[in-house]
Amino acid sequence: HLHPQSVDIAQGVDASGNKDIGAGDQ
């Protein structure tokens, strides 16, 4: 029962533009 990662989490973790890869959680 493995499903796709939340897009809300992905946008915080993934690098984009000038944003580096973020921590996957606090």
mmCIF file of all heavy atoms, coordinates in Angstrom:
data_MODEL
# 
_entry.id   MODEL 
# 
loop_
_atom_site.group_PDB 
_atom_site.id 
_atom_site.type_symbol 
_atom_site.label_atom_id 
_atom_site.label_alt_id 
_atom_site.label_comp_id 
_atom_site.label_asym_id 
_atom_site.label_entity_id 
_atom_site.label_seq_id 
_atom_site.pdbx_PDB_ins_code 
_atom_site.Cartn_x 
_atom_site.Cartn_y 
_atom_site.Cartn_z 
_atom_site.occupancy 
_atom_site.B_iso_or_equiv 
_atom_site.pdbx_formal_charge 
_atom_site.auth_seq_id 
_atom_site.auth_comp_id 
_atom_site.auth_asym_id 
_atom_site.auth_atom_id 
_atom_site.pdbx_PDB_model_num 
ATOM 1   N N   . HIS A 1 1  ? 0.852  -1.195 0.000  1.00 0.00 ? 1  HIS A N   1 
ATOM 2   C CA  . HIS A 1 1  ? 0.000  0.000  0.000  1.00 0.00 ? 1  HIS A CA  1 
ATOM 3   C C   . HIS A 1 1  ? 0.892  1.252  0.000  1.00 0.00 ? 1  HIS A C   1 
ATOM 4   O O   . HIS A 1 1  ? 0.831  2.081  0.908  1.00 0.00 ? 1  HIS A O   1 
ATOM 5   C CB  . HIS A 1 1  ? -0.912 0.000  1.227  1.00 0.00 ? 1  HIS A CB  1 
ATOM 6   C CG  . HIS A 1 1  ? -1.806 -1.189 1.325  1.00 0.00 ? 1  HIS A CG  1 
ATOM 7   N ND1 . HIS A 1 1  ? -2.937 -1.339 0.549  1.00 0.00 ? 1  HIS A ND1 1 
ATOM 8   C CD2 . HIS A 1 1  ? -1.729 -2.311 2.094  1.00 0.00 ? 1  HIS A CD2 1 
ATOM 9   C CE1 . HIS A 1 1  ? -3.528 -2.489 0.847  1.00 0.00 ? 1  HIS A CE1 1 
ATOM 10  N NE2 . HIS A 1 1  ? -2.815 -3.094 1.781  1.00 0.00 ? 1  HIS A NE2 1 
ATOM 11  N N   . LEU A 1 2  ? 1.712  1.368  -1.019 1.00 0.00 ? 2  LEU A N   1 
ATOM 12  C CA  . LEU A 1 2  ? 2.587  2.523  -1.181 1.00 0.00 ? 2  LEU A CA  1 
ATOM 13  C C   . LEU A 1 2  ? 1.991  3.435  -2.251 1.00 0.00 ? 2  LEU A C   1 
ATOM 14  O O   . LEU A 1 2  ? 1.667  2.981  -3.349 1.00 0.00 ? 2  LEU A O   1 
ATOM 15  C CB  . LEU A 1 2  ? 3.987  2.083  -1.589 1.00 0.00 ? 2  LEU A CB  1 
ATOM 16  C CG  . LEU A 1 2  ? 4.769  1.308  -0.508 1.00 0.00 ? 2  LEU A CG  1 
ATOM 17  C CD1 . LEU A 1 2  ? 5.998  0.638  -1.102 1.00 0.00 ? 2  LEU A CD1 1 
ATOM 18  C CD2 . LEU A 1 2  ? 5.177  2.227  0.629  1.00 0.00 ? 2  LEU A CD2 1 
ATOM 19  N N   . HIS A 1 3  ? 1.809  4.711  -1.928 1.00 0.00 ? 3  HIS A N   1 
ATOM 20  C CA  . HIS A 1 3  ? 1.186  5.648  -2.853 1.00 0.00 ? 3  HIS A CA  1 
ATOM 21  C C   . HIS A 1 3  ? 2.119  6.824  -3.124 1.00 0.00 ? 3  HIS A C   1 
ATOM 22  O O   . HIS A 1 3  ? 3.137  6.991  -2.438 1.00 0.00 ? 3  HIS A O   1 
ATOM 23  C CB  . HIS A 1 3  ? -0.156 6.134  -2.294 1.00 0.00 ? 3  HIS A CB  1 
ATOM 24  C CG  . HIS A 1 3  ? -0.038 6.828  -0.977 1.00 0.00 ? 3  HIS A CG  1 
ATOM 25  N ND1 . HIS A 1 3  ? -0.180 6.175  0.230  1.00 0.00 ? 3  HIS A ND1 1 
ATOM 26  C CD2 . HIS A 1 3  ? 0.215  8.124  -0.663 1.00 0.00 ? 3  HIS A CD2 1 
ATOM 27  C CE1 . HIS A 1 3  ? -0.023 7.033  1.220  1.00 0.00 ? 3  HIS A CE1 1 
ATOM 28  N NE2 . HIS A 1 3  ? 0.224  8.217  0.704  1.00 0.00 ? 3  HIS A NE2 1 
ATOM 29  N N   . PRO A 1 4  ? 1.802  7.661  -4.113 1.00 0.00 ? 4  PRO A N   1 
ATOM 30  C CA  . PRO A 1 4  ? 2.710  8.762  -4.469 1.00 0.00 ? 4  PRO A CA  1 
ATOM 31  C C   . PRO A 1 4  ? 2.923  9.746  -3.320 1.00 0.00 ? 4  PRO A C   1 
ATOM 32  O O   . PRO A 1 4  ? 2.017  10.011 -2.523 1.00 0.00 ? 4  PRO A O   1 
ATOM 33  C CB  . PRO A 1 4  ? 2.000  9.435  -5.649 1.00 0.00 ? 4  PRO A CB  1 
ATOM 34  C CG  . PRO A 1 4  ? 1.150  8.361  -6.238 1.00 0.00 ? 4  PRO A CG  1 
ATOM 35  C CD  . PRO A 1 4  ? 0.693  7.531  -5.073 1.00 0.00 ? 4  PRO A CD  1 
ATOM 36  N N   . GLN A 1 5  ? 4.129  10.320 -3.284 1.00 0.00 ? 5  GLN A N   1 
ATOM 37  C CA  . GLN A 1 5  ? 4.467  11.307 -2.268 1.00 0.00 ? 5  GLN A CA  1 
ATOM 38  C C   . GLN A 1 5  ? 3.569  12.533 -2.396 1.00 0.00 ? 5  GLN A C   1 
ATOM 39  O O   . GLN A 1 5  ? 3.209  12.957 -3.490 1.00 0.00 ? 5  GLN A O   1 
ATOM 40  C CB  . GLN A 1 5  ? 5.924  11.744 -2.418 1.00 0.00 ? 5  GLN A CB  1 
ATOM 41  C CG  . GLN A 1 5  ? 6.391  12.734 -1.357 1.00 0.00 ? 5  GLN A CG  1 
ATOM 42  C CD  . GLN A 1 5  ? 7.764  13.310 -1.648 1.00 0.00 ? 5  GLN A CD  1 
ATOM 43  O OE1 . GLN A 1 5  ? 8.056  13.673 -2.786 1.00 0.00 ? 5  GLN A OE1 1 
ATOM 44  N NE2 . GLN A 1 5  ? 8.606  13.405 -0.633 1.00 0.00 ? 5  GLN A NE2 1 
ATOM 45  N N   . SER A 1 6  ? 3.225  13.119 -1.259 1.00 0.00 ? 6  SER A N   1 
ATOM 46  C CA  . SER A 1 6  ? 2.416  14.335 -1.222 1.00 0.00 ? 6  SER A CA  1 
ATOM 47  C C   . SER A 1 6  ? 3.097  15.454 -2.010 1.00 0.00 ? 6  SER A C   1 
ATOM 48  O O   . SER A 1 6  ? 4.291  15.727 -1.830 1.00 0.00 ? 6  SER A O   1 
ATOM 49  C CB  . SER A 1 6  ? 2.215  14.781 0.232  1.00 0.00 ? 6  SER A CB  1 
ATOM 50  O OG  . SER A 1 6  ? 1.850  16.147 0.305  1.00 0.00 ? 6  SER A OG  1 
ATOM 51  N N   . VAL A 1 7  ? 2.330  16.128 -2.859 1.00 0.00 ? 7  VAL A N   1 
ATOM 52  C CA  . VAL A 1 7  ? 2.900  17.242 -3.623 1.00 0.00 ? 7  VAL A CA  1 
ATOM 53  C C   . VAL A 1 7  ? 3.239  18.409 -2.700 1.00 0.00 ? 7  VAL A C   1 
ATOM 54  O O   . VAL A 1 7  ? 4.134  19.217 -2.999 1.00 0.00 ? 7  VAL A O   1 
ATOM 55  C CB  . VAL A 1 7  ? 1.925  17.702 -4.728 1.00 0.00 ? 7  VAL A CB  1 
ATOM 56  C CG1 . VAL A 1 7  ? 1.759  16.614 -5.773 1.00 0.00 ? 7  VAL A CG1 1 
ATOM 57  C CG2 . VAL A 1 7  ? 0.573  18.104 -4.142 1.00 0.00 ? 7  VAL A CG2 1 
ATOM 58  N N   . ASP A 1 8  ? 2.548  18.514 -1.566 1.00 0.00 ? 8  ASP A N   1 
ATOM 59  C CA  . ASP A 1 8  ? 2.854  19.585 -0.615 1.00 0.00 ? 8  ASP A CA  1 
ATOM 60  C C   . ASP A 1 8  ? 4.229  19.389 0.013  1.00 0.00 ? 8  ASP A C   1 
ATOM 61  O O   . ASP A 1 8  ? 4.973  20.361 0.220  1.00 0.00 ? 8  ASP A O   1 
ATOM 62  C CB  . ASP A 1 8  ? 1.787  19.635 0.492  1.00 0.00 ? 8  ASP A CB  1 
ATOM 63  C CG  . ASP A 1 8  ? 0.435  20.078 -0.030 1.00 0.00 ? 8  ASP A CG  1 
ATOM 64  O OD1 . ASP A 1 8  ? 0.388  20.628 -1.146 1.00 0.00 ? 8  ASP A OD1 1 
ATOM 65  O OD2 . ASP A 1 8  ? -0.569 19.875 0.677  1.00 0.00 ? 8  ASP A OD2 1 
ATOM 66  N N   . ILE A 1 9  ? 4.558  18.139 0.335  1.00 0.00 ? 9  ILE A N   1 
ATOM 67  C CA  . ILE A 1 9  ? 5.899  17.852 0.859  1.00 0.00 ? 9  ILE A CA  1 
ATOM 68  C C   . ILE A 1 9  ? 6.938  18.029 -0.232 1.00 0.00 ? 9  ILE A C   1 
ATOM 69  O O   . ILE A 1 9  ? 8.005  18.623 -0.014 1.00 0.00 ? 9  ILE A O   1 
ATOM 70  C CB  . ILE A 1 9  ? 5.956  16.425 1.440  1.00 0.00 ? 9  ILE A CB  1 
ATOM 71  C CG1 . ILE A 1 9  ? 5.055  16.324 2.688  1.00 0.00 ? 9  ILE A CG1 1 
ATOM 72  C CG2 . ILE A 1 9  ? 7.390  16.033 1.771  1.00 0.00 ? 9  ILE A CG2 1 
ATOM 73  C CD1 . ILE A 1 9  ? 4.968  14.926 3.269  1.00 0.00 ? 9  ILE A CD1 1 
ATOM 74  N N   . ALA A 1 10 ? 6.629  17.549 -1.430 1.00 0.00 ? 10 ALA A N   1 
ATOM 75  C CA  . ALA A 1 10 ? 7.595  17.601 -2.531 1.00 0.00 ? 10 ALA A CA  1 
ATOM 76  C C   . ALA A 1 10 ? 8.020  19.029 -2.844 1.00 0.00 ? 10 ALA A C   1 
ATOM 77  O O   . ALA A 1 10 ? 9.195  19.297 -3.122 1.00 0.00 ? 10 ALA A O   1 
ATOM 78  C CB  . ALA A 1 10 ? 7.006  16.948 -3.775 1.00 0.00 ? 10 ALA A CB  1 
ATOM 79  N N   . GLN A 1 11 ? 7.074  19.988 -2.815 1.00 0.00 ? 11 GLN A N   1 
ATOM 80  C CA  . GLN A 1 11 ? 7.433  21.360 -3.182 1.00 0.00 ? 11 GLN A CA  1 
ATOM 81  C C   . GLN A 1 11 ? 8.395  21.992 -2.177 1.00 0.00 ? 11 GLN A C   1 
ATOM 82  O O   . GLN A 1 11 ? 9.155  22.898 -2.507 1.00 0.00 ? 11 GLN A O   1 
ATOM 83  C CB  . GLN A 1 11 ? 6.176  22.219 -3.312 1.00 0.00 ? 11 GLN A CB  1 
ATOM 84  C CG  . GLN A 1 11 ? 5.490  22.549 -1.999 1.00 0.00 ? 11 GLN A CG  1 
ATOM 85  C CD  . GLN A 1 11 ? 4.293  23.476 -2.178 1.00 0.00 ? 11 GLN A CD  1 
ATOM 86  O OE1 . GLN A 1 11 ? 3.981  23.886 -3.298 1.00 0.00 ? 11 GLN A OE1 1 
ATOM 87  N NE2 . GLN A 1 11 ? 3.621  23.792 -1.086 1.00 0.00 ? 11 GLN A NE2 1 
ATOM 88  N N   . GLY A 1 12 ? 8.384  21.503 -0.929 1.00 0.00 ? 12 GLY A N   1 
ATOM 89  C CA  . GLY A 1 12 ? 9.318  22.016 0.065  1.00 0.00 ? 12 GLY A CA  1 
ATOM 90  C C   . GLY A 1 12 ? 10.685 21.379 -0.036 1.00 0.00 ? 12 GLY A C   1 
ATOM 91  O O   . GLY A 1 12 ? 11.696 22.004 0.284  1.00 0.00 ? 12 GLY A O   1 
ATOM 92  N N   . VAL A 1 13 ? 10.718 20.132 -0.482 1.00 0.00 ? 13 VAL A N   1 
ATOM 93  C CA  . VAL A 1 13 ? 11.977 19.387 -0.509 1.00 0.00 ? 13 VAL A CA  1 
ATOM 94  C C   . VAL A 1 13 ? 12.726 19.578 -1.817 1.00 0.00 ? 13 VAL A C   1 
ATOM 95  O O   . VAL A 1 13 ? 13.949 19.740 -1.831 1.00 0.00 ? 13 VAL A O   1 
ATOM 96  C CB  . VAL A 1 13 ? 11.707 17.882 -0.260 1.00 0.00 ? 13 VAL A CB  1 
ATOM 97  C CG1 . VAL A 1 13 ? 12.995 17.082 -0.402 1.00 0.00 ? 13 VAL A CG1 1 
ATOM 98  C CG2 . VAL A 1 13 ? 11.087 17.673 1.109  1.00 0.00 ? 13 VAL A CG2 1 
ATOM 99  N N   . ASP A 1 14 ? 12.022 19.597 -2.937 1.00 0.00 ? 14 ASP A N   1 
ATOM 100 C CA  . ASP A 1 14 ? 12.676 19.631 -4.236 1.00 0.00 ? 14 ASP A CA  1 
ATOM 101 C C   . ASP A 1 14 ? 13.358 20.966 -4.502 1.00 0.00 ? 14 ASP A C   1 
ATOM 102 O O   . ASP A 1 14 ? 12.888 22.028 -4.077 1.00 0.00 ? 14 ASP A O   1 
ATOM 103 C CB  . ASP A 1 14 ? 11.657 19.369 -5.351 1.00 0.00 ? 14 ASP A CB  1 
ATOM 104 C CG  . ASP A 1 14 ? 11.130 17.946 -5.324 1.00 0.00 ? 14 ASP A CG  1 
ATOM 105 O OD1 . ASP A 1 14 ? 11.733 17.105 -4.633 1.00 0.00 ? 14 ASP A OD1 1 
ATOM 106 O OD2 . ASP A 1 14 ? 10.112 17.686 -5.988 1.00 0.00 ? 14 ASP A OD2 1 
ATOM 107 N N   . ALA A 1 15 ? 14.471 20.898 -5.227 1.00 0.00 ? 15 ALA A N   1 
ATOM 108 C CA  . ALA A 1 15 ? 15.139 22.115 -5.684 1.00 0.00 ? 15 ALA A CA  1 
ATOM 109 C C   . ALA A 1 15 ? 14.353 22.701 -6.848 1.00 0.00 ? 15 ALA A C   1 
ATOM 110 O O   . ALA A 1 15 ? 13.823 21.980 -7.695 1.00 0.00 ? 15 ALA A O   1 
ATOM 111 C CB  . ALA A 1 15 ? 16.557 21.796 -6.119 1.00 0.00 ? 15 ALA A CB  1 
ATOM 112 N N   . SER A 1 16 ? 14.279 24.055 -6.908 1.00 0.00 ? 16 SER A N   1 
ATOM 113 C CA  . SER A 1 16 ? 13.614 24.717 -8.027 1.00 0.00 ? 16 SER A CA  1 
ATOM 114 C C   . SER A 1 16 ? 14.105 26.156 -8.098 1.00 0.00 ? 16 SER A C   1 
ATOM 115 O O   . SER A 1 16 ? 14.174 26.847 -7.077 1.00 0.00 ? 16 SER A O   1 
ATOM 116 C CB  . SER A 1 16 ? 12.090 24.691 -7.851 1.00 0.00 ? 16 SER A CB  1 
ATOM 117 O OG  . SER A 1 16 ? 11.702 25.359 -6.674 1.00 0.00 ? 16 SER A OG  1 
ATOM 118 N N   . GLY A 1 17 ? 14.447 26.605 -9.301 1.00 0.00 ? 17 GLY A N   1 
ATOM 119 C CA  . GLY A 1 17 ? 14.952 27.962 -9.449 1.00 0.00 ? 17 GLY A CA  1 
ATOM 120 C C   . GLY A 1 17 ? 16.198 28.171 -8.603 1.00 0.00 ? 17 GLY A C   1 
ATOM 121 O O   . GLY A 1 17 ? 17.181 27.454 -8.727 1.00 0.00 ? 17 GLY A O   1 
ATOM 122 N N   . ASN A 1 18 ? 16.146 29.184 -7.721 1.00 0.00 ? 18 ASN A N   1 
ATOM 123 C CA  . ASN A 1 18 ? 17.267 29.453 -6.825 1.00 0.00 ? 18 ASN A CA  1 
ATOM 124 C C   . ASN A 1 18 ? 17.159 28.695 -5.507 1.00 0.00 ? 18 ASN A C   1 
ATOM 125 O O   . ASN A 1 18 ? 17.990 28.888 -4.615 1.00 0.00 ? 18 ASN A O   1 
ATOM 126 C CB  . ASN A 1 18 ? 17.358 30.962 -6.536 1.00 0.00 ? 18 ASN A CB  1 
ATOM 127 C CG  . ASN A 1 18 ? 17.723 31.752 -7.781 1.00 0.00 ? 18 ASN A CG  1 
ATOM 128 O OD1 . ASN A 1 18 ? 18.490 31.271 -8.617 1.00 0.00 ? 18 ASN A OD1 1 
ATOM 129 N ND2 . ASN A 1 18 ? 17.158 32.948 -7.915 1.00 0.00 ? 18 ASN A ND2 1 
ATOM 130 N N   . LYS A 1 19 ? 16.132 27.886 -5.360 1.00 0.00 ? 19 LYS A N   1 
ATOM 131 C CA  . LYS A 1 19 ? 15.907 27.154 -4.107 1.00 0.00 ? 19 LYS A CA  1 
ATOM 132 C C   . LYS A 1 19 ? 16.668 25.839 -4.119 1.00 0.00 ? 19 LYS A C   1 
ATOM 133 O O   . LYS A 1 19 ? 16.538 25.034 -5.046 1.00 0.00 ? 19 LYS A O   1 
ATOM 134 C CB  . LYS A 1 19 ? 14.412 26.890 -3.901 1.00 0.00 ? 19 LYS A CB  1 
ATOM 135 C CG  . LYS A 1 19 ? 14.102 26.088 -2.647 1.00 0.00 ? 19 LYS A CG  1 
ATOM 136 C CD  . LYS A 1 19 ? 12.625 25.752 -2.575 1.00 0.00 ? 19 LYS A CD  1 
ATOM 137 C CE  . LYS A 1 19 ? 12.323 24.834 -1.401 1.00 0.00 ? 19 LYS A CE  1 
ATOM 138 N NZ  . LYS A 1 19 ? 13.024 23.539 -1.502 1.00 0.00 ? 19 LYS A NZ  1 
ATOM 139 N N   . ASP A 1 20 ? 17.465 25.585 -3.079 1.00 0.00 ? 20 ASP A N   1 
ATOM 140 C CA  . ASP A 1 20 ? 18.195 24.323 -2.946 1.00 0.00 ? 20 ASP A CA  1 
ATOM 141 C C   . ASP A 1 20 ? 17.258 23.262 -2.382 1.00 0.00 ? 20 ASP A C   1 
ATOM 142 O O   . ASP A 1 20 ? 16.147 23.553 -1.919 1.00 0.00 ? 20 ASP A O   1 
ATOM 143 C CB  . ASP A 1 20 ? 19.401 24.512 -2.017 1.00 0.00 ? 20 ASP A CB  1 
ATOM 144 C CG  . ASP A 1 20 ? 20.426 23.397 -2.160 1.00 0.00 ? 20 ASP A CG  1 
ATOM 145 O OD1 . ASP A 1 20 ? 20.211 22.477 -2.987 1.00 0.00 ? 20 ASP A OD1 1 
ATOM 146 O OD2 . ASP A 1 20 ? 21.446 23.444 -1.448 1.00 0.00 ? 20 ASP A OD2 1 
ATOM 147 N N   . ILE A 1 21 ? 17.713 22.014 -2.394 1.00 0.00 ? 21 ILE A N   1 
ATOM 148 C CA  . ILE A 1 21 ? 16.943 20.926 -1.795 1.00 0.00 ? 21 ILE A CA  1 
ATOM 149 C C   . ILE A 1 21 ? 16.732 21.218 -0.322 1.00 0.00 ? 21 ILE A C   1 
ATOM 150 O O   . ILE A 1 21 ? 17.680 21.505 0.420  1.00 0.00 ? 21 ILE A O   1 
ATOM 151 C CB  . ILE A 1 21 ? 17.679 19.584 -1.967 1.00 0.00 ? 21 ILE A CB  1 
ATOM 152 C CG1 . ILE A 1 21 ? 17.759 19.216 -3.452 1.00 0.00 ? 21 ILE A CG1 1 
ATOM 153 C CG2 . ILE A 1 21 ? 16.982 18.483 -1.187 1.00 0.00 ? 21 ILE A CG2 1 
ATOM 154 C CD1 . ILE A 1 21 ? 18.621 17.995 -3.717 1.00 0.00 ? 21 ILE A CD1 1 
ATOM 155 N N   . GLY A 1 22 ? 15.485 21.167 0.129  1.00 0.00 ? 22 GLY A N   1 
ATOM 156 C CA  . GLY A 1 22 ? 15.168 21.439 1.521  1.00 0.00 ? 22 GLY A CA  1 
ATOM 157 C C   . GLY A 1 22 ? 15.111 20.167 2.344  1.00 0.00 ? 22 GLY A C   1 
ATOM 158 O O   . GLY A 1 22 ? 15.044 19.048 1.819  1.00 0.00 ? 22 GLY A O   1 
ATOM 159 N N   . ALA A 1 23 ? 15.140 20.332 3.664  1.00 0.00 ? 23 ALA A N   1 
ATOM 160 C CA  . ALA A 1 23 ? 15.011 19.188 4.563  1.00 0.00 ? 23 ALA A CA  1 
ATOM 161 C C   . ALA A 1 23 ? 13.632 18.565 4.395  1.00 0.00 ? 23 ALA A C   1 
ATOM 162 O O   . ALA A 1 23 ? 12.634 19.263 4.205  1.00 0.00 ? 23 ALA A O   1 
ATOM 163 C CB  . ALA A 1 23 ? 15.219 19.628 6.006  1.00 0.00 ? 23 ALA A CB  1 
ATOM 164 N N   . GLY A 1 24 ? 13.573 17.236 4.479  1.00 0.00 ? 24 GLY A N   1 
ATOM 165 C CA  . GLY A 1 24 ? 12.313 16.531 4.306  1.00 0.00 ? 24 GLY A CA  1 
ATOM 166 C C   . GLY A 1 24 ? 11.364 16.673 5.474  1.00 0.00 ? 24 GLY A C   1 
ATOM 167 O O   . GLY A 1 24 ? 10.192 16.314 5.377  1.00 0.00 ? 24 GLY A O   1 
ATOM 168 N N   . ASP A 1 25 ? 11.839 17.201 6.581  1.00 0.00 ? 25 ASP A N   1 
ATOM 169 C CA  . ASP A 1 25 ? 10.985 17.431 7.744  1.00 0.00 ? 25 ASP A CA  1 
ATOM 170 C C   . ASP A 1 25 ? 11.754 18.288 8.733  1.00 0.00 ? 25 ASP A C   1 
ATOM 171 O O   . ASP A 1 25 ? 12.971 18.446 8.639  1.00 0.00 ? 25 ASP A O   1 
ATOM 172 C CB  . ASP A 1 25 ? 10.586 16.103 8.402  1.00 0.00 ? 25 ASP A CB  1 
ATOM 173 C CG  . ASP A 1 25 ? 9.326  16.218 9.261  1.00 0.00 ? 25 ASP A CG  1 
ATOM 174 O OD1 . ASP A 1 25 ? 8.850  17.354 9.465  1.00 0.00 ? 25 ASP A OD1 1 
ATOM 175 O OD2 . ASP A 1 25 ? 8.835  15.179 9.715  1.00 0.00 ? 25 ASP A OD2 1 
ATOM 176 N N   . GLN A 1 26 ? 11.024 18.849 9.700  1.00 0.00 ? 26 GLN A N   1 
ATOM 177 C CA  . GLN A 1 26 ? 11.710 19.508 10.798 1.00 0.00 ? 26 GLN A CA  1 
ATOM 178 C C   . GLN A 1 26 ? 12.221 18.448 11.764 1.00 0.00 ? 26 GLN A C   1 
ATOM 179 O O   . GLN A 1 26 ? 11.794 17.290 11.715 1.00 0.00 ? 26 GLN A O   1 
ATOM 180 C CB  . GLN A 1 26 ? 10.761 20.440 11.544 1.00 0.00 ? 26 GLN A CB  1 
ATOM 181 C CG  . GLN A 1 26 ? 9.686  19.704 12.357 1.00 0.00 ? 26 GLN A CG  1 
ATOM 182 C CD  . GLN A 1 26 ? 8.837  20.657 13.168 1.00 0.00 ? 26 GLN A CD  1 
ATOM 183 O OE1 . GLN A 1 26 ? 8.361  21.655 12.642 1.00 0.00 ? 26 GLN A OE1 1 
ATOM 184 N NE2 . GLN A 1 26 ? 8.641  20.356 14.435 1.00 0.00 ? 26 GLN A NE2 1 
# 
